[in-house]
Amino acid sequence: NINLLNNIYSKYKHLINFVSIYISEAHGNDEWPIRTNKKLQIDQHKNINDRLKAANKLKQEYGWKLPLYCDGMDNQFEKQYQGWPLRIVLIKNDENNENMTIDYVAEQIQPYQGFLQFELFRELEKVLQQKLNIKK
């Protein structure tokens, strides 16, 4: 899944700005222990250092290439954009970079629909091609 999103990022990063936000754990091992791979068992973040550590693990051990920021411990971004467990939002700046508007919001993937990430990323690429007037 990460490779597909990394490929989209590499392909379009010269045309648009990508930002990703690391939010609370969708399957914190201390709350919803469903992962059998020990490496993937991450407890829910108790403080910002826990969240930063998890975000760095995503970049270093799994090859996440998109610019990555962390939501605050109040989870304001996650709540505002209903980002749990995964959501893609395209935000458009006006010509003067003064006003931002939401230009596209992908359907939210429910926790049990992780397999739909591939479809979500393919849809993102189609939307980017349409909005950037890229013809295949």
C-alpha atoms as a PDB file:
ATOM      1  CA  ASN A   1       0.000   0.000   0.000  1.00  0.00           C
ATOM      2  CA  ILE A   2       2.786   2.397   0.859  1.00  0.00           C
ATOM      3  CA  ASN A   3       4.544   1.742  -2.445  1.00  0.00           C
ATOM      4  CA  LEU A   4       1.450   2.697  -4.439  1.00  0.00           C
ATOM      5  CA  LEU A   5       1.055   5.980  -2.578  1.00  0.00           C
ATOM      6  CA  ASN A   6       4.813   6.661  -2.806  1.00  0.00           C
ATOM      7  CA  ASN A   7       4.613   6.170  -6.582  1.00  0.00           C
ATOM      8  CA  ILE A   8       1.754   8.687  -6.854  1.00  0.00           C
ATOM      9  CA  TYR A   9       3.749  11.137  -4.738  1.00  0.00           C
ATOM     10  CA  SER A  10       6.886  10.704  -6.870  1.00  0.00           C
ATOM     11  CA  LYS A  11       4.897  11.142 -10.069  1.00  0.00           C
ATOM     12  CA  TYR A  12       3.065  14.351  -9.072  1.00  0.00           C
ATOM     13  CA  LYS A  13       5.198  16.049  -6.400  1.00  0.00           C
ATOM     14  CA  HIS A  14       6.599  18.520  -8.927  1.00  0.00           C
ATOM     15  CA  LEU A  15       3.030  19.682  -9.692  1.00  0.00           C
ATOM     16  CA  ILE A  16       1.373  19.787  -6.258  1.00  0.00           C
ATOM     17  CA  ASN A  17       2.296  19.821  -2.585  1.00  0.00           C
ATOM     18  CA  PHE A  18       1.668  16.637  -0.643  1.00  0.00           C
ATOM     19  CA  VAL A  19       1.313  16.564   3.127  1.00  0.00           C
ATOM     20  CA  SER A  20       0.462  13.604   5.313  1.00  0.00           C
ATOM     21  CA  ILE A  21      -0.622  13.758   8.932  1.00  0.00           C
ATOM     22  CA  TYR A  22       0.092  10.954  11.384  1.00  0.00           C
ATOM     23  CA  ILE A  23      -2.961  10.615  13.612  1.00  0.00           C
ATOM     24  CA  SER A  24      -3.880   8.294  16.476  1.00  0.00           C
ATOM     25  CA  GLU A  25      -3.291   4.569  15.992  1.00  0.00           C
ATOM     26  CA  ALA A  26      -6.183   2.867  14.233  1.00  0.00           C
ATOM     27  CA  HIS A  27      -5.356  -0.400  15.968  1.00  0.00           C
ATOM     28  CA  GLY A  28      -3.460   0.538  19.114  1.00  0.00           C
ATOM     29  CA  ASN A  29      -2.157  -2.677  20.629  1.00  0.00           C
ATOM     30  CA  ASP A  30      -3.347  -1.603  24.081  1.00  0.00           C
ATOM     31  CA  GLU A  31      -6.878  -0.829  22.788  1.00  0.00           C
ATOM     32  CA  TRP A  32      -7.608  -3.052  19.797  1.00  0.00           C
ATOM     33  CA  PRO A  33      -4.888  -5.716  19.535  1.00  0.00           C
ATOM     34  CA  ILE A  34      -5.482  -7.289  16.123  1.00  0.00           C
ATOM     35  CA  ARG A  35      -1.958  -7.340  14.713  1.00  0.00           C
ATOM     36  CA  THR A  36       0.012 -10.574  14.941  1.00  0.00           C
ATOM     37  CA  ASN A  37       3.284  -9.164  13.582  1.00  0.00           C
ATOM     38  CA  LYS A  38       5.160  -7.903  16.658  1.00  0.00           C
ATOM     39  CA  LYS A  39       6.761  -5.126  14.589  1.00  0.00           C
ATOM     40  CA  LEU A  40       3.306  -3.677  13.826  1.00  0.00           C
ATOM     41  CA  GLN A  41       2.074  -3.726  17.428  1.00  0.00           C
ATOM     42  CA  ILE A  42       2.076  -0.084  18.482  1.00  0.00           C
ATOM     43  CA  ASP A  43       0.309   1.122  21.622  1.00  0.00           C
ATOM     44  CA  GLN A  44      -1.929   4.169  21.423  1.00  0.00           C
ATOM     45  CA  HIS A  45       0.188   7.303  21.790  1.00  0.00           C
ATOM     46  CA  LYS A  46       0.243   8.636  25.355  1.00  0.00           C
ATOM     47  CA  ASN A  47       2.163  11.805  24.433  1.00  0.00           C
ATOM     48  CA  ILE A  48       3.549  13.617  21.418  1.00  0.00           C
ATOM     49  CA  ASN A  49       6.895  11.813  21.694  1.00  0.00           C
ATOM     50  CA  ASP A  50       5.109   8.469  21.240  1.00  0.00           C
ATOM     51  CA  ARG A  51       3.399   9.815  18.118  1.00  0.00           C
ATOM     52  CA  LEU A  52       6.650  11.219  16.727  1.00  0.00           C
ATOM     53  CA  LYS A  53       8.367   7.881  17.348  1.00  0.00           C
ATOM     54  CA  ALA A  54       5.593   6.024  15.479  1.00  0.00           C
ATOM     55  CA  ALA A  55       5.754   8.515  12.584  1.00  0.00           C
ATOM     56  CA  ASN A  56       9.526   8.104  12.339  1.00  0.00           C
ATOM     57  CA  LYS A  57       9.083   4.324  12.299  1.00  0.00           C
ATOM     58  CA  LEU A  58       6.699   4.699   9.352  1.00  0.00           C
ATOM     59  CA  LYS A  59       9.307   6.702   7.448  1.00  0.00           C
ATOM     60  CA  GLN A  60      12.406   4.747   8.377  1.00  0.00           C
ATOM     61  CA  GLU A  61      11.185   1.150   8.512  1.00  0.00           C
ATOM     62  CA  TYR A  62       8.408   1.241   5.925  1.00  0.00           C
ATOM     63  CA  GLY A  63       9.750   3.785   3.424  1.00  0.00           C
ATOM     64  CA  TRP A  64       7.033   6.477   3.690  1.00  0.00           C
ATOM     65  CA  LYS A  65       8.158   9.239   1.296  1.00  0.00           C
ATOM     66  CA  LEU A  66       5.457  11.901   1.635  1.00  0.00           C
ATOM     67  CA  PRO A  67       6.186  14.863   3.909  1.00  0.00           C
ATOM     68  CA  LEU A  68       4.868  13.715   7.278  1.00  0.00           C
ATOM     69  CA  TYR A  69       3.574  15.787  10.177  1.00  0.00           C
ATOM     70  CA  CYS A  70       1.899  14.696  13.392  1.00  0.00           C
ATOM     71  CA  ASP A  71      -1.536  15.621  14.659  1.00  0.00           C
ATOM     72  CA  GLY A  72      -1.489  17.140  18.147  1.00  0.00           C
ATOM     73  CA  MET A  73      -2.508  15.059  21.115  1.00  0.00           C
ATOM     74  CA  ASP A  74      -5.907  16.794  21.037  1.00  0.00           C
ATOM     75  CA  ASN A  75      -6.380  15.022  17.650  1.00  0.00           C
ATOM     76  CA  GLN A  76      -7.772  18.222  16.131  1.00  0.00           C
ATOM     77  CA  PHE A  77      -6.850  17.292  12.541  1.00  0.00           C
ATOM     78  CA  GLU A  78      -8.293  13.800  12.886  1.00  0.00           C
ATOM     79  CA  LYS A  79     -11.555  15.187  14.273  1.00  0.00           C
ATOM     80  CA  GLN A  80     -11.835  18.036  11.757  1.00  0.00           C
ATOM     81  CA  TYR A  81     -11.264  15.866   8.682  1.00  0.00           C
ATOM     82  CA  GLN A  82     -12.592  12.559  10.068  1.00  0.00           C
ATOM     83  CA  GLY A  83      -9.260  11.022   9.170  1.00  0.00           C
ATOM     84  CA  TRP A  84      -9.480   7.805  11.146  1.00  0.00           C
ATOM     85  CA  PRO A  85      -8.209   5.350  10.036  1.00  0.00           C
ATOM     86  CA  LEU A  86      -7.331   6.871   6.625  1.00  0.00           C
ATOM     87  CA  ARG A  87      -8.685   9.759   4.583  1.00  0.00           C
ATOM     88  CA  ILE A  88      -7.448  11.715   1.565  1.00  0.00           C
ATOM     89  CA  VAL A  89      -8.364  15.383   1.245  1.00  0.00           C
ATOM     90  CA  LEU A  90      -7.220  17.730  -1.523  1.00  0.00           C
ATOM     91  CA  ILE A  91      -7.044  21.375  -0.473  1.00  0.00           C
ATOM     92  CA  LYS A  92      -6.744  24.051  -3.147  1.00  0.00           C
ATOM     93  CA  ASN A  93      -5.074  27.420  -2.626  1.00  0.00           C
ATOM     94  CA  ASP A  94      -6.262  30.475  -4.508  1.00  0.00           C
ATOM     95  CA  GLU A  95      -3.851  32.292  -6.825  1.00  0.00           C
ATOM     96  CA  ASN A  96      -2.545  34.494  -3.995  1.00  0.00           C
ATOM     97  CA  ASN A  97      -2.215  31.594  -1.540  1.00  0.00           C
ATOM     98  CA  GLU A  98      -4.500  33.482   0.837  1.00  0.00           C
ATOM     99  CA  ASN A  99      -7.563  31.258   0.883  1.00  0.00           C
ATOM    100  CA  MET A 100      -7.787  27.498   0.953  1.00  0.00           C
ATOM    101  CA  THR A 101     -10.822  25.448   0.040  1.00  0.00           C
ATOM    102  CA  ILE A 102     -11.450  21.730   0.135  1.00  0.00           C
ATOM    103  CA  ASP A 103     -11.365  20.607  -3.480  1.00  0.00           C
ATOM    104  CA  TYR A 104     -11.867  16.857  -3.058  1.00  0.00           C
ATOM    105  CA  VAL A 105     -12.600  14.468  -0.206  1.00  0.00           C
ATOM    106  CA  ALA A 106     -12.225  10.738  -0.701  1.00  0.00           C
ATOM    107  CA  GLU A 107     -14.792   8.432   0.795  1.00  0.00           C
ATOM    108  CA  GLN A 108     -13.758   7.387   4.264  1.00  0.00           C
ATOM    109  CA  ILE A 109     -12.413   3.881   4.654  1.00  0.00           C
ATOM    110  CA  GLN A 110     -13.905   2.087   7.618  1.00  0.00           C
ATOM    111  CA  PRO A 111     -11.571   0.181   9.980  1.00  0.00           C
ATOM    112  CA  TYR A 112     -12.525  -3.201   8.517  1.00  0.00           C
ATOM    113  CA  GLN A 113     -11.966  -1.995   4.916  1.00  0.00           C
ATOM    114  CA  GLY A 114      -8.185  -1.707   4.868  1.00  0.00           C
ATOM    115  CA  PHE A 115      -8.173  -3.682   1.619  1.00  0.00           C
ATOM    116  CA  LEU A 116      -9.818  -0.671  -0.078  1.00  0.00           C
ATOM    117  CA  GLN A 117      -6.663   1.427   0.262  1.00  0.00           C
ATOM    118  CA  PHE A 118      -5.546   0.310  -3.206  1.00  0.00           C
ATOM    119  CA  GLU A 119      -8.826   1.561  -4.684  1.00  0.00           C
ATOM    120  CA  LEU A 120      -8.536   4.803  -2.730  1.00  0.00           C
ATOM    121  CA  PHE A 121      -5.037   5.451  -4.090  1.00  0.00           C
ATOM    122  CA  ARG A 122      -6.087   4.596  -7.665  1.00  0.00           C
ATOM    123  CA  GLU A 123      -9.012   7.013  -7.334  1.00  0.00           C
ATOM    124  CA  LEU A 124      -6.617   9.676  -6.036  1.00  0.00           C
ATOM    125  CA  GLU A 125      -4.463   9.292  -9.139  1.00  0.00           C
ATOM    126  CA  LYS A 126      -7.505   9.621 -11.429  1.00  0.00           C
ATOM    127  CA  VAL A 127      -8.631  12.760  -9.600  1.00  0.00           C
ATOM    128  CA  LEU A 128      -5.136  14.275  -9.796  1.00  0.00           C
ATOM    129  CA  GLN A 129      -4.935  13.579 -13.515  1.00  0.00           C
ATOM    130  CA  GLN A 130      -8.331  15.204 -14.036  1.00  0.00           C
ATOM    131  CA  LYS A 131      -7.588  18.283 -11.911  1.00  0.00           C
ATOM    132  CA  LEU A 132      -4.143  18.751 -13.457  1.00  0.00           C
ATOM    133  CA  ASN A 133      -5.496  18.171 -16.988  1.00  0.00           C
ATOM    134  CA  ILE A 134      -3.135  15.263 -17.597  1.00  0.00           C
ATOM    135  CA  LYS A 135      -4.128  13.063 -20.504  1.00  0.00           C
ATOM    136  CA  LYS A 136      -3.083   9.428 -20.602  1.00  0.00           C
END
